[in-house]
Amino acid sequence: MAGLSSRAIKTKIKSMASTKQITKAMELVASSKLLNAQNKAVSSRPYFNALYGAMSEIVDSSPVFASPYLKKPSAGRSVWVVIAGDRGLAGGYNNNILKLAWSQMENENPIVLPIGKKAVEFFHRRGVEVLTERYAEAAAVSIGYCYSIANLLAEGFLAGRYSSVHLAYTNFTSMLSQQPATLELLPLTMHRQPTQRRLEILYESGSESVFNAIVPEYLGGLIYGALCESTASEQAARRTAMDAASKNADEIISQLNLQYNRARQGAITQEITEIVAGSEQS
């Protein structure tokens, strides 16, 4: 920026100050949304842990228990539910999860159910078949939508259209750490406890029927939990990115102020020199 006039430098300072106001506002909004997402994730965990416990009890209730949700179909294609953001300006949040998901699915001829505009754009560019774009806006996906997604996937799995169902999301570790992760939803993996046999429980309509009825509810809970974790991760990443942008703006403004003062000093010195030169000539 050498050679800029004082007026041009002052204009740049005002522009940078406006940018800083925007990044600071985005940081505050991200902090608010982050707290809300964290609360949702924490409050949902006990319920779905209880669901998993109930499913484990049903599986352990009989040594010959069997369910189609526990077996991988011999045919069908893999389905991936990929959760990303609707917007950028969140550091590496979108790139990290999309890169991880693509590295694990690119050789499978998969079907993708994208959640988030960035996920939709990513897989469209790569020509991947999309199951539905109904949930393209992550911010609009509610817990009810998560259950709808779970029912859609469970139905396709039982019909043999899908050989497996995977979930790609970002796990919120801390304000400074968000880890992209993948999870296989179907077929289910249940951990039996053969050494501690529980009392045999009789279930109305049969243990398998009860188990199969709980599975979509459980899957919906996993998807909702992953959505809350991803939302919290996105807001944490955006908060960190906007904080860094605000600090960079402060540094640039400081440098511009220094340059502005030097330019003013140079202009004043030039005027004094011209006045002195004019008085000497007279």
Protein backbone atom coordinates (compact mmCIF):
# COMPACT_ATOMS: atom_id res chain seq x y z
CA MET A 1 0.00 0.00 0.00
CA ALA A 2 3.03 2.27 -0.43
CA GLY A 3 2.24 5.54 -2.12
CA LEU A 4 -1.41 5.70 -1.07
CA SER A 5 -2.81 9.08 -0.13
CA SER A 6 -4.05 9.82 3.39
CA ARG A 7 -7.62 9.82 2.12
CA ALA A 8 -7.22 6.38 0.49
CA ILE A 9 -5.71 4.93 3.66
CA LYS A 10 -8.53 6.42 5.76
CA THR A 11 -11.07 4.79 3.41
CA LYS A 12 -9.35 1.43 3.85
CA ILE A 13 -9.42 1.85 7.65
CA LYS A 14 -13.18 2.47 7.56
CA SER A 15 -13.70 -0.54 5.30
CA MET A 16 -11.66 -2.80 7.58
CA ALA A 17 -13.52 -1.50 10.65
CA SER A 18 -16.83 -2.41 8.97
CA THR A 19 -15.51 -5.89 8.20
CA LYS A 20 -14.47 -6.31 11.81
CA GLN A 21 -17.98 -5.38 12.97
CA ILE A 22 -19.41 -8.11 10.74
CA THR A 23 -16.97 -10.79 11.90
CA LYS A 24 -17.53 -9.82 15.55
CA ALA A 25 -21.30 -10.05 15.10
CA MET A 26 -20.96 -13.47 13.43
CA GLU A 27 -18.76 -14.62 16.32
CA LEU A 28 -21.43 -13.61 18.85
CA VAL A 29 -24.20 -15.31 16.87
CA ALA A 30 -22.12 -18.49 16.59
CA SER A 31 -21.51 -18.47 20.35
CA SER A 32 -25.24 -18.22 21.02
CA LYS A 33 -26.13 -21.02 18.58
CA LEU A 34 -23.32 -23.17 19.95
CA LEU A 35 -24.74 -23.09 23.48
CA ASN A 36 -28.18 -24.06 22.19
CA ALA A 37 -26.81 -26.96 20.12
CA GLN A 38 -24.75 -28.25 23.05
CA ASN A 39 -27.78 -28.22 25.32
CA LYS A 40 -29.82 -30.18 22.76
CA ALA A 41 -27.10 -32.79 22.34
CA VAL A 42 -26.65 -33.28 26.10
CA SER A 43 -30.38 -33.43 26.86
CA SER A 44 -31.06 -36.05 24.16
CA ARG A 45 -28.38 -38.54 25.20
CA PRO A 46 -30.08 -40.15 28.26
CA TYR A 47 -33.22 -41.04 26.29
CA PHE A 48 -31.38 -42.73 23.45
CA ASN A 49 -28.97 -44.48 25.81
CA ALA A 50 -32.05 -45.93 27.49
CA LEU A 51 -33.33 -47.08 24.07
CA TYR A 52 -30.06 -48.86 23.35
CA GLY A 53 -30.21 -50.49 26.78
CA ALA A 54 -33.72 -51.75 26.09
CA MET A 55 -32.62 -53.15 22.73
CA SER A 56 -29.67 -54.91 24.36
CA GLU A 57 -31.98 -56.49 26.93
CA ILE A 58 -34.23 -57.79 24.16
CA VAL A 59 -31.29 -59.29 22.26
CA ASP A 60 -29.99 -60.95 25.44
CA SER A 61 -33.43 -62.29 26.35
CA SER A 62 -33.00 -65.25 24.00
CA PRO A 63 -29.91 -67.16 22.85
CA VAL A 64 -31.53 -67.62 19.43
CA PHE A 65 -32.67 -64.04 18.94
CA ALA A 66 -32.63 -62.92 15.30
CA SER A 67 -33.64 -59.76 13.49
CA PRO A 68 -33.23 -58.61 9.87
CA TYR A 69 -31.62 -55.44 11.23
CA LEU A 70 -28.70 -57.53 12.49
CA LYS A 71 -27.94 -59.16 9.13
CA LYS A 72 -26.34 -57.58 6.09
CA PRO A 73 -28.41 -58.11 2.90
CA SER A 74 -26.68 -59.98 0.11
CA ALA A 75 -27.61 -57.30 -2.43
CA GLY A 76 -28.22 -53.57 -2.49
CA ARG A 77 -26.06 -50.45 -2.37
CA SER A 78 -24.57 -48.59 0.54
CA VAL A 79 -26.28 -45.40 1.70
CA TRP A 80 -24.48 -42.53 3.37
CA VAL A 81 -26.14 -39.83 5.46
CA VAL A 82 -23.66 -36.94 5.35
CA ILE A 83 -24.15 -33.92 7.61
CA ALA A 84 -22.42 -30.66 6.62
CA GLY A 85 -23.25 -26.96 6.94
CA ASP A 86 -25.40 -24.58 4.94
CA ARG A 87 -22.74 -21.84 4.76
CA GLY A 88 -19.00 -21.37 4.74
CA LEU A 89 -16.89 -19.09 6.93
CA ALA A 90 -16.44 -21.94 9.41
CA GLY A 91 -12.78 -22.79 8.99
CA GLY A 92 -12.25 -26.36 7.82
CA TYR A 93 -15.57 -27.69 9.16
CA ASN A 94 -17.25 -28.51 5.83
CA ASN A 95 -14.09 -29.58 4.02
CA ASN A 96 -12.99 -31.97 6.77
CA ILE A 97 -16.23 -33.98 7.02
CA LEU A 98 -16.85 -34.07 3.27
CA LYS A 99 -13.28 -35.18 2.60
CA LEU A 100 -13.54 -37.98 5.18
CA ALA A 101 -16.90 -39.22 3.90
CA TRP A 102 -15.74 -39.18 0.27
CA SER A 103 -12.54 -41.09 1.08
CA GLN A 104 -14.60 -43.94 2.56
CA MET A 105 -17.33 -44.12 -0.06
CA GLU A 106 -15.81 -43.19 -3.43
CA ASN A 107 -15.13 -46.83 -4.41
CA GLU A 108 -18.57 -48.14 -3.37
CA ASN A 109 -20.99 -46.63 -5.94
CA PRO A 110 -22.96 -45.21 -3.01
CA ILE A 111 -26.26 -43.38 -2.63
CA VAL A 112 -26.06 -40.23 -0.51
CA LEU A 113 -28.66 -38.53 1.64
CA PRO A 114 -27.10 -35.08 2.18
CA ILE A 115 -28.01 -32.83 5.08
CA GLY A 116 -26.76 -29.29 4.53
CA LYS A 117 -26.35 -27.21 1.37
CA LYS A 118 -22.59 -27.74 1.27
CA ALA A 119 -23.09 -31.52 1.22
CA VAL A 120 -25.62 -31.25 -1.62
CA GLU A 121 -23.23 -29.11 -3.69
CA PHE A 122 -20.28 -31.41 -2.99
CA PHE A 123 -21.94 -34.61 -4.17
CA HIS A 124 -23.65 -32.99 -7.14
CA ARG A 125 -20.23 -31.89 -8.41
CA ARG A 126 -19.04 -35.50 -8.21
CA GLY A 127 -22.09 -36.98 -9.91
CA VAL A 128 -23.10 -39.10 -6.90
CA GLU A 129 -26.71 -40.30 -6.80
CA VAL A 130 -28.69 -38.41 -4.17
CA LEU A 131 -31.51 -40.24 -2.41
CA THR A 132 -33.44 -37.06 -1.66
CA GLU A 133 -32.76 -33.32 -1.31
CA ARG A 134 -35.64 -32.80 1.07
CA TYR A 135 -33.23 -32.23 3.94
CA ALA A 136 -30.81 -30.01 2.02
CA GLU A 137 -31.02 -27.19 4.56
CA ALA A 138 -29.42 -28.42 7.79
CA ALA A 139 -30.77 -25.53 9.86
CA ALA A 140 -34.34 -26.60 9.03
CA VAL A 141 -33.91 -30.28 9.96
CA SER A 142 -35.85 -31.00 13.17
CA ILE A 143 -36.04 -34.12 15.33
CA GLY A 144 -39.20 -35.10 13.43
CA TYR A 145 -37.28 -35.02 10.15
CA CYS A 146 -34.60 -37.24 11.70
CA TYR A 147 -37.23 -39.88 12.45
CA SER A 148 -38.54 -39.58 8.89
CA ILE A 149 -35.01 -40.18 7.58
CA ALA A 150 -34.63 -43.19 9.90
CA ASN A 151 -37.90 -44.74 8.73
CA LEU A 152 -36.91 -44.21 5.08
CA LEU A 153 -33.54 -45.91 5.61
CA ALA A 154 -34.93 -48.76 7.73
CA GLU A 155 -37.60 -49.50 5.13
CA GLY A 156 -35.05 -49.61 2.30
CA PHE A 157 -32.71 -51.82 4.36
CA LEU A 158 -35.46 -54.35 5.14
CA ALA A 159 -36.51 -54.37 1.48
CA GLY A 160 -32.94 -55.23 0.45
CA ARG A 161 -32.35 -52.03 -1.53
CA TYR A 162 -29.57 -50.94 0.83
CA SER A 163 -26.79 -53.26 1.92
CA SER A 164 -25.59 -50.90 4.64
CA VAL A 165 -26.32 -47.46 6.04
CA HIS A 166 -23.57 -45.12 7.23
CA LEU A 167 -23.58 -41.75 8.98
CA ALA A 168 -20.91 -39.07 8.53
CA TYR A 169 -20.92 -36.20 11.00
CA THR A 170 -18.60 -34.02 13.09
CA ASN A 171 -18.12 -34.87 16.74
CA PHE A 172 -17.91 -31.88 19.07
CA THR A 173 -14.92 -32.42 21.38
CA SER A 174 -14.27 -28.89 22.63
CA MET A 175 -14.38 -25.28 21.53
CA LEU A 176 -11.05 -25.74 19.77
CA SER A 177 -11.43 -29.34 18.59
CA GLN A 178 -14.07 -30.84 16.28
CA GLN A 179 -13.45 -34.32 14.89
CA PRO A 180 -15.10 -35.65 11.71
CA ALA A 181 -16.38 -39.20 12.24
CA THR A 182 -18.33 -41.98 10.55
CA LEU A 183 -20.68 -44.55 12.04
CA GLU A 184 -22.34 -47.64 10.57
CA LEU A 185 -26.04 -47.49 11.41
CA LEU A 186 -27.17 -50.67 9.66
CA PRO A 187 -26.74 -53.58 10.04
CA LEU A 188 -26.85 -53.06 13.80
CA THR A 189 -24.09 -54.37 16.01
CA MET A 190 -25.41 -55.37 19.43
CA HIS A 191 -23.09 -56.52 22.20
CA ARG A 192 -24.41 -59.66 23.86
CA GLN A 193 -23.53 -60.59 27.44
CA PRO A 194 -23.34 -64.41 27.42
CA THR A 195 -21.76 -64.67 30.87
CA GLN A 196 -24.50 -62.71 32.62
CA ARG A 197 -27.79 -64.12 31.45
CA ARG A 198 -30.72 -61.96 32.39
CA LEU A 199 -34.07 -63.29 33.49
CA GLU A 200 -36.11 -64.40 30.51
CA ILE A 201 -38.68 -61.72 29.66
CA LEU A 202 -41.82 -62.36 27.68
CA TYR A 203 -42.69 -59.58 25.22
CA GLU A 204 -46.18 -59.02 23.89
CA SER A 205 -46.23 -59.94 20.18
CA GLY A 206 -42.71 -61.39 20.55
CA SER A 207 -39.25 -60.02 21.28
CA GLU A 208 -38.32 -59.68 17.61
CA SER A 209 -41.41 -57.58 16.84
CA VAL A 210 -40.69 -55.27 19.77
CA PHE A 211 -37.02 -54.98 18.75
CA ASN A 212 -37.86 -54.23 15.12
CA ALA A 213 -40.32 -51.54 16.23
CA ILE A 214 -37.68 -49.81 18.39
CA VAL A 215 -34.93 -49.79 15.76
CA PRO A 216 -36.23 -46.87 13.62
CA GLU A 217 -36.73 -44.83 16.80
CA TYR A 218 -33.17 -45.60 17.84
CA LEU A 219 -31.76 -44.71 14.41
CA GLY A 220 -33.67 -41.44 14.41
CA GLY A 221 -32.12 -40.63 17.77
CA LEU A 222 -28.61 -41.35 16.48
CA ILE A 223 -29.15 -39.09 13.47
CA TYR A 224 -30.58 -36.32 15.66
CA GLY A 225 -27.69 -36.61 18.09
CA ALA A 226 -25.19 -36.46 15.21
CA LEU A 227 -27.00 -33.41 13.84
CA CYS A 228 -26.71 -31.65 17.22
CA GLU A 229 -23.02 -32.58 17.47
CA SER A 230 -22.41 -31.33 13.93
CA THR A 231 -24.29 -28.09 14.54
CA ALA A 232 -22.29 -27.45 17.70
CA SER A 233 -19.07 -28.24 15.82
CA GLU A 234 -19.97 -25.89 12.97
CA GLN A 235 -20.74 -23.01 15.32
CA ALA A 236 -17.56 -23.62 17.33
CA ALA A 237 -15.51 -23.67 14.11
CA ARG A 238 -17.23 -20.49 12.88
CA ARG A 239 -16.72 -18.77 16.23
CA THR A 240 -13.00 -19.61 16.12
CA ALA A 241 -12.69 -18.49 12.49
CA MET A 242 -14.51 -15.21 13.11
CA ASP A 243 -12.44 -14.54 16.23
CA ALA A 244 -9.27 -15.01 14.18
CA ALA A 245 -10.68 -12.77 11.45
CA SER A 246 -11.47 -10.04 14.00
CA LYS A 247 -7.94 -10.21 15.39
CA ASN A 248 -6.49 -10.02 11.89
CA ALA A 249 -8.67 -6.99 11.21
CA ASP A 250 -7.32 -5.32 14.37
CA GLU A 251 -3.76 -5.92 13.18
CA ILE A 252 -4.47 -4.53 9.72
CA ILE A 253 -6.23 -1.47 11.18
CA SER A 254 -3.24 -0.88 13.45
CA GLN A 255 -0.87 -1.07 10.47
CA LEU A 256 -3.10 1.25 8.42
CA ASN A 257 -3.28 3.78 11.27
CA LEU A 258 0.50 3.78 11.46
CA GLN A 259 0.75 4.28 7.72
CA TYR A 260 -1.91 7.01 7.86
CA ASN A 261 0.00 8.88 10.56
CA ARG A 262 3.21 8.60 8.57
CA ALA A 263 1.43 9.87 5.45
CA ARG A 264 0.00 12.83 7.38
CA GLN A 265 3.39 13.56 8.88
CA GLY A 266 4.94 13.41 5.44
CA ALA A 267 2.30 15.76 4.04
CA ILE A 268 2.83 18.25 6.89
CA THR A 269 6.60 18.09 6.41
CA GLN A 270 6.13 18.71 2.69
CA GLU A 271 3.94 21.76 3.37
CA ILE A 272 6.48 23.20 5.84
CA THR A 273 9.28 22.65 3.31
CA GLU A 274 7.27 24.46 0.59
CA ILE A 275 6.50 27.38 2.95
CA VAL A 276 10.16 27.73 3.95
CA ALA A 277 11.28 27.52 0.33
CA GLY A 278 8.73 30.16 -0.67
CA SER A 279 9.83 32.55 2.11
CA GLU A 280 13.49 32.17 1.10
CA GLN A 281 12.70 33.02 -2.52
CA SER A 282 10.83 36.15 -1.46
